Protein backbone atom coordinates (compact mmCIF):
# COMPACT_ATOMS: atom_id res chain seq x y z
CA UNK A 1 51.45 79.19 -95.96
CA UNK A 2 52.75 79.64 -92.39
CA UNK A 3 52.41 82.74 -90.27
CA UNK A 4 54.37 85.72 -91.57
CA UNK A 5 55.20 89.16 -90.27
CA UNK A 6 52.25 91.42 -90.76
CA UNK A 7 54.15 93.91 -92.91
CA UNK A 8 55.09 91.09 -95.27
CA UNK A 9 51.45 90.02 -95.49
CA UNK A 10 50.46 93.57 -96.43
CA UNK A 11 53.23 93.87 -99.00
CA UNK A 12 52.29 90.57 -100.63
CA UNK A 13 48.71 91.76 -100.90
CA UNK A 14 49.93 94.77 -102.86
CA UNK A 15 48.86 97.29 -100.21
CA UNK A 16 52.27 98.95 -99.91
CA UNK A 17 55.97 98.23 -99.66
CA UNK A 18 57.14 96.61 -96.44
CA UNK A 19 58.49 99.90 -95.13
CA UNK A 20 55.24 101.72 -95.90
CA UNK A 21 53.29 98.80 -94.39
CA UNK A 22 55.23 99.27 -91.15
CA UNK A 23 54.00 102.87 -91.00
CA UNK A 24 50.41 101.69 -91.49
CA UNK A 25 50.81 99.31 -88.56
CA UNK A 26 52.38 101.93 -86.29
CA UNK A 27 49.56 104.32 -87.19
CA UNK A 28 46.98 101.80 -85.94
CA UNK A 29 45.35 101.35 -89.33
CA UNK A 30 45.78 97.55 -89.41
CA UNK A 31 43.77 94.95 -87.51
CA UNK A 32 43.98 91.17 -87.20
CA UNK A 33 40.75 89.34 -86.37
CA UNK A 34 39.20 92.59 -85.19
CA UNK A 35 42.10 93.64 -82.94
CA UNK A 36 44.07 96.78 -83.82
CA UNK A 37 47.80 96.05 -84.17
CA UNK A 38 50.43 98.70 -83.39
CA UNK A 39 53.51 96.49 -83.02
CA UNK A 40 55.80 95.40 -85.86
CA UNK A 41 56.56 91.92 -84.55
CA UNK A 42 53.01 90.55 -84.95
CA UNK A 43 52.65 87.54 -87.26
CA UNK A 44 49.55 86.24 -89.04
CA UNK A 45 48.46 83.51 -91.43
CA UNK A 46 46.62 85.36 -94.24
CA UNK A 47 44.66 82.19 -95.10
CA UNK A 48 43.07 81.95 -91.67
CA UNK A 49 43.29 85.36 -90.03
CA UNK A 50 41.11 88.30 -91.04
CA UNK A 51 43.59 91.07 -91.81
CA UNK A 52 42.11 94.50 -92.48
CA UNK A 53 43.47 97.93 -93.40
CA UNK A 54 41.19 100.84 -92.57
CA UNK A 55 38.37 98.34 -92.05
CA UNK A 56 38.76 96.64 -95.44
CA UNK A 57 39.88 93.02 -95.60
CA UNK A 58 42.93 92.30 -97.71
CA UNK A 59 43.42 89.36 -100.03
CA UNK A 60 46.86 88.05 -100.89
CA UNK A 61 47.82 88.53 -104.54
CA UNK A 62 49.21 85.68 -106.64
CA UNK A 63 52.99 85.69 -106.90
CA UNK A 64 54.15 87.13 -110.21
CA UNK A 65 57.50 86.98 -112.00
CA UNK A 66 58.23 88.87 -115.20
CA UNK A 67 61.05 90.37 -117.26
CA UNK A 68 61.04 93.77 -118.94
CA UNK A 69 63.28 94.88 -121.79
CA UNK A 70 64.04 98.28 -120.28
CA UNK A 71 64.77 100.97 -122.85
CA UNK A 72 67.44 103.60 -122.40
CA UNK A 73 66.14 106.85 -120.95
CA UNK A 74 63.85 105.13 -118.42
CA UNK A 75 64.53 105.11 -114.67
CA UNK A 76 64.32 101.81 -112.76
CA UNK A 77 62.34 103.26 -109.86
CA UNK A 78 58.56 103.24 -109.46
CA UNK A 79 58.40 107.04 -109.19
CA UNK A 80 60.69 109.88 -110.19
CA UNK A 81 60.69 113.40 -108.67
CA UNK A 82 62.03 114.80 -111.96
CA UNK A 83 59.04 113.50 -113.89
CA UNK A 84 61.02 111.13 -116.12
CA UNK A 85 59.51 107.95 -117.53
CA UNK A 86 59.73 105.11 -115.03
CA UNK A 87 59.47 101.35 -115.33
CA UNK A 88 56.06 101.58 -113.66
CA UNK A 89 54.82 103.50 -116.73
CA UNK A 90 55.77 100.47 -118.85
CA UNK A 91 54.06 97.98 -116.54
CA UNK A 92 50.64 99.60 -116.15
CA UNK A 93 48.93 96.49 -117.53
CA UNK A 94 50.36 94.25 -114.80
CA UNK A 95 47.44 93.48 -112.52
CA UNK A 96 49.49 93.41 -109.28
CA UNK A 97 52.09 95.65 -107.69
CA UNK A 98 55.60 94.47 -108.61
CA UNK A 99 59.06 95.86 -107.84
CA UNK A 100 62.32 95.60 -109.80
CA UNK A 101 64.90 92.99 -108.84
CA UNK A 102 67.92 95.29 -108.74
CA UNK A 103 68.44 98.28 -110.98
CA UNK A 104 69.61 99.36 -114.41
CA UNK A 105 70.86 102.92 -114.70
CA UNK A 106 69.13 105.56 -116.82
CA UNK A 107 71.32 105.03 -119.90
CA UNK A 108 71.44 101.21 -119.73
CA UNK A 109 68.91 98.99 -121.48
CA UNK A 110 68.00 95.33 -121.26
CA UNK A 111 66.76 92.60 -118.93
CA UNK A 112 65.17 93.77 -115.69
CA UNK A 113 63.25 91.27 -113.55
CA UNK A 114 60.14 92.20 -111.54
CA UNK A 115 58.17 90.38 -108.86
CA UNK A 116 55.95 90.76 -105.81
CA UNK A 117 57.81 87.87 -104.13
CA UNK A 118 60.12 89.55 -101.62
CA UNK A 119 62.22 86.46 -100.93
CA UNK A 120 62.72 85.87 -104.66
CA UNK A 121 63.96 89.44 -105.13
CA UNK A 122 66.22 89.29 -102.09
CA UNK A 123 67.82 86.00 -103.09
CA UNK A 124 68.62 87.12 -106.65
CA UNK A 125 70.03 90.46 -105.45
CA UNK A 126 72.19 89.26 -102.57
CA UNK A 127 75.93 89.57 -103.37
CA UNK A 128 76.66 86.17 -101.83
CA UNK A 129 74.38 84.46 -104.31
CA UNK A 130 76.73 84.98 -107.24
CA UNK A 131 73.78 85.38 -109.60
CA UNK A 132 75.15 86.10 -113.10
CA UNK A 133 74.26 89.29 -114.94
CA UNK A 134 75.33 89.31 -118.59
CA UNK A 135 75.99 92.50 -120.56
CA UNK A 136 77.08 93.62 -123.98
CA UNK A 137 79.13 96.81 -123.84
CA UNK A 138 80.45 99.06 -126.60
CA UNK A 139 83.61 100.81 -125.41
CA UNK A 140 85.88 103.45 -126.89
CA UNK A 141 89.23 102.12 -128.08
CA UNK A 142 90.63 98.84 -129.31
CA UNK A 143 90.92 96.37 -126.45
CA UNK A 144 94.16 94.37 -126.67
CA UNK A 145 95.35 91.51 -124.45
CA UNK A 146 96.71 93.89 -121.81
CA UNK A 147 93.47 95.86 -121.84
CA UNK A 148 91.43 92.69 -121.52
CA UNK A 149 93.48 91.72 -118.47
CA UNK A 150 92.75 95.12 -116.88
CA UNK A 151 89.03 94.68 -117.50
CA UNK A 152 89.15 91.36 -115.70
CA UNK A 153 90.71 92.82 -112.57
CA UNK A 154 88.89 93.75 -109.37
CA UNK A 155 88.16 97.44 -108.77
CA UNK A 156 87.09 99.32 -105.67
CA UNK A 157 83.60 100.80 -105.41
CA UNK A 158 82.59 102.68 -102.27
CA UNK A 159 85.51 101.26 -100.33
CA UNK A 160 84.92 97.60 -101.23
CA UNK A 161 86.64 95.46 -103.82
CA UNK A 162 84.47 93.92 -106.53
CA UNK A 163 84.53 90.38 -107.77
CA UNK A 164 86.56 90.12 -111.00
CA UNK A 165 84.33 90.28 -114.07
CA UNK A 166 84.31 87.71 -116.85
CA UNK A 167 85.12 89.61 -120.06
CA UNK A 168 85.63 88.54 -123.65
CA UNK A 169 85.94 90.44 -126.91
CA UNK A 170 83.07 90.09 -129.39
CA UNK A 171 84.32 92.31 -132.23
CA UNK A 172 86.21 95.49 -133.10
CA UNK A 173 84.74 98.19 -135.36
CA UNK A 174 86.16 101.64 -136.18
CA UNK A 175 88.27 102.05 -133.03
CA UNK A 176 85.39 100.73 -130.90
CA UNK A 177 85.23 97.33 -129.19
CA UNK A 178 82.20 95.26 -128.33
CA UNK A 179 82.58 93.22 -125.15
CA UNK A 180 80.59 90.46 -123.44
CA UNK A 181 80.78 91.02 -119.68
CA UNK A 182 79.42 88.81 -116.89
CA UNK A 183 79.15 90.07 -113.32
CA UNK A 184 78.43 87.97 -110.23
CA UNK A 185 77.29 90.89 -108.08
CA UNK A 186 75.32 94.09 -108.53
CA UNK A 187 77.32 97.17 -107.60
CA UNK A 188 76.37 100.72 -108.57
CA UNK A 189 77.41 101.44 -112.20
CA UNK A 190 79.94 98.61 -111.98
CA UNK A 191 80.43 98.00 -115.71
CA UNK A 192 80.85 101.68 -116.50
CA UNK A 193 83.31 102.14 -113.62
CA UNK A 194 85.19 99.07 -114.75
CA UNK A 195 85.55 100.53 -118.24
CA UNK A 196 86.77 103.85 -116.85
CA UNK A 197 89.34 102.13 -114.62
CA UNK A 198 90.68 100.07 -117.54
CA UNK A 199 90.86 103.07 -119.89
CA UNK A 200 87.93 102.08 -122.08
CA UNK A 201 84.94 104.39 -121.49
CA UNK A 202 81.61 102.64 -122.01
CA UNK A 203 79.64 104.21 -124.86
CA UNK A 204 76.66 101.87 -124.83
CA UNK A 205 75.53 99.17 -122.43
CA UNK A 206 72.77 96.57 -122.45
CA UNK A 207 72.04 93.71 -120.05
CA UNK A 208 71.27 90.63 -122.11
CA UNK A 209 70.39 88.26 -119.26
CA UNK A 210 69.83 88.15 -115.49
CA UNK A 211 70.07 84.77 -113.78
CA UNK A 212 69.75 83.17 -117.21
CA UNK A 213 66.53 85.00 -118.07
CA UNK A 214 66.84 86.87 -121.37
CA UNK A 215 64.82 89.45 -123.30
CA UNK A 216 64.84 87.43 -126.50
CA UNK A 217 61.80 88.32 -128.59
CA UNK A 218 61.03 91.47 -126.61
CA UNK A 219 61.32 94.91 -128.14
CA UNK A 220 62.41 97.78 -125.87
CA UNK A 221 59.54 98.56 -123.51
CA UNK A 222 57.91 95.12 -123.81
CA UNK A 223 57.62 92.57 -121.01
CA UNK A 224 56.54 88.98 -120.48
CA UNK A 225 55.89 86.55 -117.65
CA UNK A 226 58.64 84.09 -116.86
CA UNK A 227 57.93 80.63 -118.21
CA UNK A 228 57.50 77.58 -116.05
CA UNK A 229 60.82 76.20 -117.30
CA UNK A 230 62.59 79.42 -116.33
CA UNK A 231 61.08 79.31 -112.84
CA UNK A 232 62.05 75.66 -112.43
CA UNK A 233 65.64 76.48 -113.45
CA UNK A 234 65.75 79.40 -111.00
CA UNK A 235 64.47 77.19 -108.20
CA UNK A 236 67.13 74.57 -108.93
CA UNK A 237 69.93 77.14 -109.07
CA UNK A 238 68.92 79.56 -106.29
CA UNK A 239 66.11 77.96 -104.30
CA UNK A 240 63.44 80.45 -105.38
CA UNK A 241 60.56 80.64 -106.03
CA UNK A 242 59.47 78.07 -103.47
CA UNK A 243 56.27 76.99 -105.23
CA UNK A 244 56.56 77.03 -108.99
CA UNK A 245 53.13 75.53 -109.68
CA UNK A 246 51.29 78.12 -107.60
CA UNK A 247 53.29 80.89 -109.23
CA UNK A 248 52.49 79.84 -112.79
CA UNK A 249 48.88 78.67 -112.48
CA UNK A 250 47.36 82.00 -111.41
CA UNK A 251 49.09 84.58 -113.56
CA UNK A 252 47.05 87.78 -113.88
CA UNK A 253 46.41 89.18 -117.30
CA UNK A 254 48.90 91.67 -118.61
CA UNK A 255 50.38 93.08 -121.78
CA UNK A 256 52.51 90.32 -123.17
CA UNK A 257 54.35 90.78 -126.49
CA UNK A 258 52.09 91.48 -129.45
CA UNK A 259 52.65 88.04 -130.99
CA UNK A 260 51.61 86.32 -127.77
CA UNK A 261 48.53 88.53 -127.48
CA UNK A 262 47.50 87.64 -131.03
CA UNK A 263 47.97 83.93 -130.34
CA UNK A 264 45.90 84.16 -127.17
CA UNK A 265 43.15 86.07 -128.96
CA UNK A 266 42.94 83.63 -131.88
CA UNK A 267 42.00 80.13 -130.65
CA UNK A 268 42.23 77.23 -133.07
CA UNK A 269 39.23 75.92 -134.97
CA UNK A 270 39.16 72.88 -132.73
CA UNK A 271 38.99 75.11 -129.66
CA UNK A 272 36.17 77.15 -131.14
CA UNK A 273 34.19 74.14 -132.29
CA UNK A 274 32.59 73.68 -135.76
CA UNK A 275 31.62 76.84 -137.57
CA UNK A 276 27.98 77.48 -138.27
CA UNK A 277 26.82 77.31 -141.86
CA UNK A 278 26.41 80.64 -143.55
CA UNK A 279 23.23 81.24 -145.54
CA UNK A 280 23.37 83.38 -148.68
CA UNK A 281 20.47 84.30 -151.01
CA UNK A 282 20.41 82.92 -154.60
CA UNK A 283 19.03 84.58 -157.69
CA UNK A 284 15.83 82.56 -157.36
CA UNK A 285 15.30 83.95 -153.92
CA UNK A 286 15.99 80.62 -152.28
CA UNK A 287 18.60 80.25 -149.54
CA UNK A 288 21.71 78.24 -150.37
CA UNK A 289 23.87 76.97 -147.54
CA UNK A 290 27.65 77.33 -147.90
CA UNK A 291 29.33 74.56 -145.97
CA UNK A 292 32.54 75.29 -144.14
CA UNK A 293 33.27 71.78 -142.95
CA UNK A 294 34.77 70.55 -146.24
CA UNK A 295 31.63 68.63 -147.36
CA UNK A 296 29.49 69.33 -150.39
CA UNK A 297 25.83 70.36 -149.87
CA UNK A 298 23.29 67.55 -149.51
CA UNK A 299 22.47 65.93 -152.87
CA UNK A 300 25.75 67.03 -154.48
CA UNK A 301 28.29 65.11 -152.42
CA UNK A 302 30.94 63.20 -154.26
CA UNK A 303 31.22 59.40 -154.14
């Protein structure tokens, strides 16, 4: 690990966001090797330098990557002035501070990535990256060929034209149409605005995948760590994360899906080792040993 800007070192250690870390530095609350730092351009190697905040040494957290199946009615911020449920409430069991990679609006559900790797988040959010975001949308009306062409056109959001979306029809039910939509950028409420512009208001929306990472097997509100294979694929496609082995070998404990928790809590017999014999009293008061290793008691074994 080379020298990094001090605010990045603090953010990676889970002390605060980079912006909040800058305020800590300007306030003179951060020191490097015993020297108070008040300038934002200072760099440090957290492996070698002694970095302290308010006199307490910080330790860099392991890099974490996870995906949450965000339910509808949950905001994608870490705090909400209106007191609504936030994604942080669903990630209380994550041992480190993570931030969302992009956003899903209040009424949209589905795949939302989280990490404490700032470069990873930046790379997957940057419009130039063309990172695919896949959605399933239920819209009002029957989408015909002309309507499908309108949905695939560019629209203008906040004065800038969007990239055309990839849209295909999944099915039609009772004057409603289900669509599969893929975006290559992340603009504010883009799918819903696209539906409005084409004359098909979006009634329900869910993101099924982000950068190829899906929520398969996760119920709304559940999360999981990204697998090694997923991280390898992301590195090949987008260049992040830089060190897959380091990212996957030191995952902190967290609330994985219930099935995974049960599997982790129930090691195999081989892992536990041979079970001890259980002694039970007999009518004669003597102790008879019940074998659990598949063999008959001594003196009564078969030939």
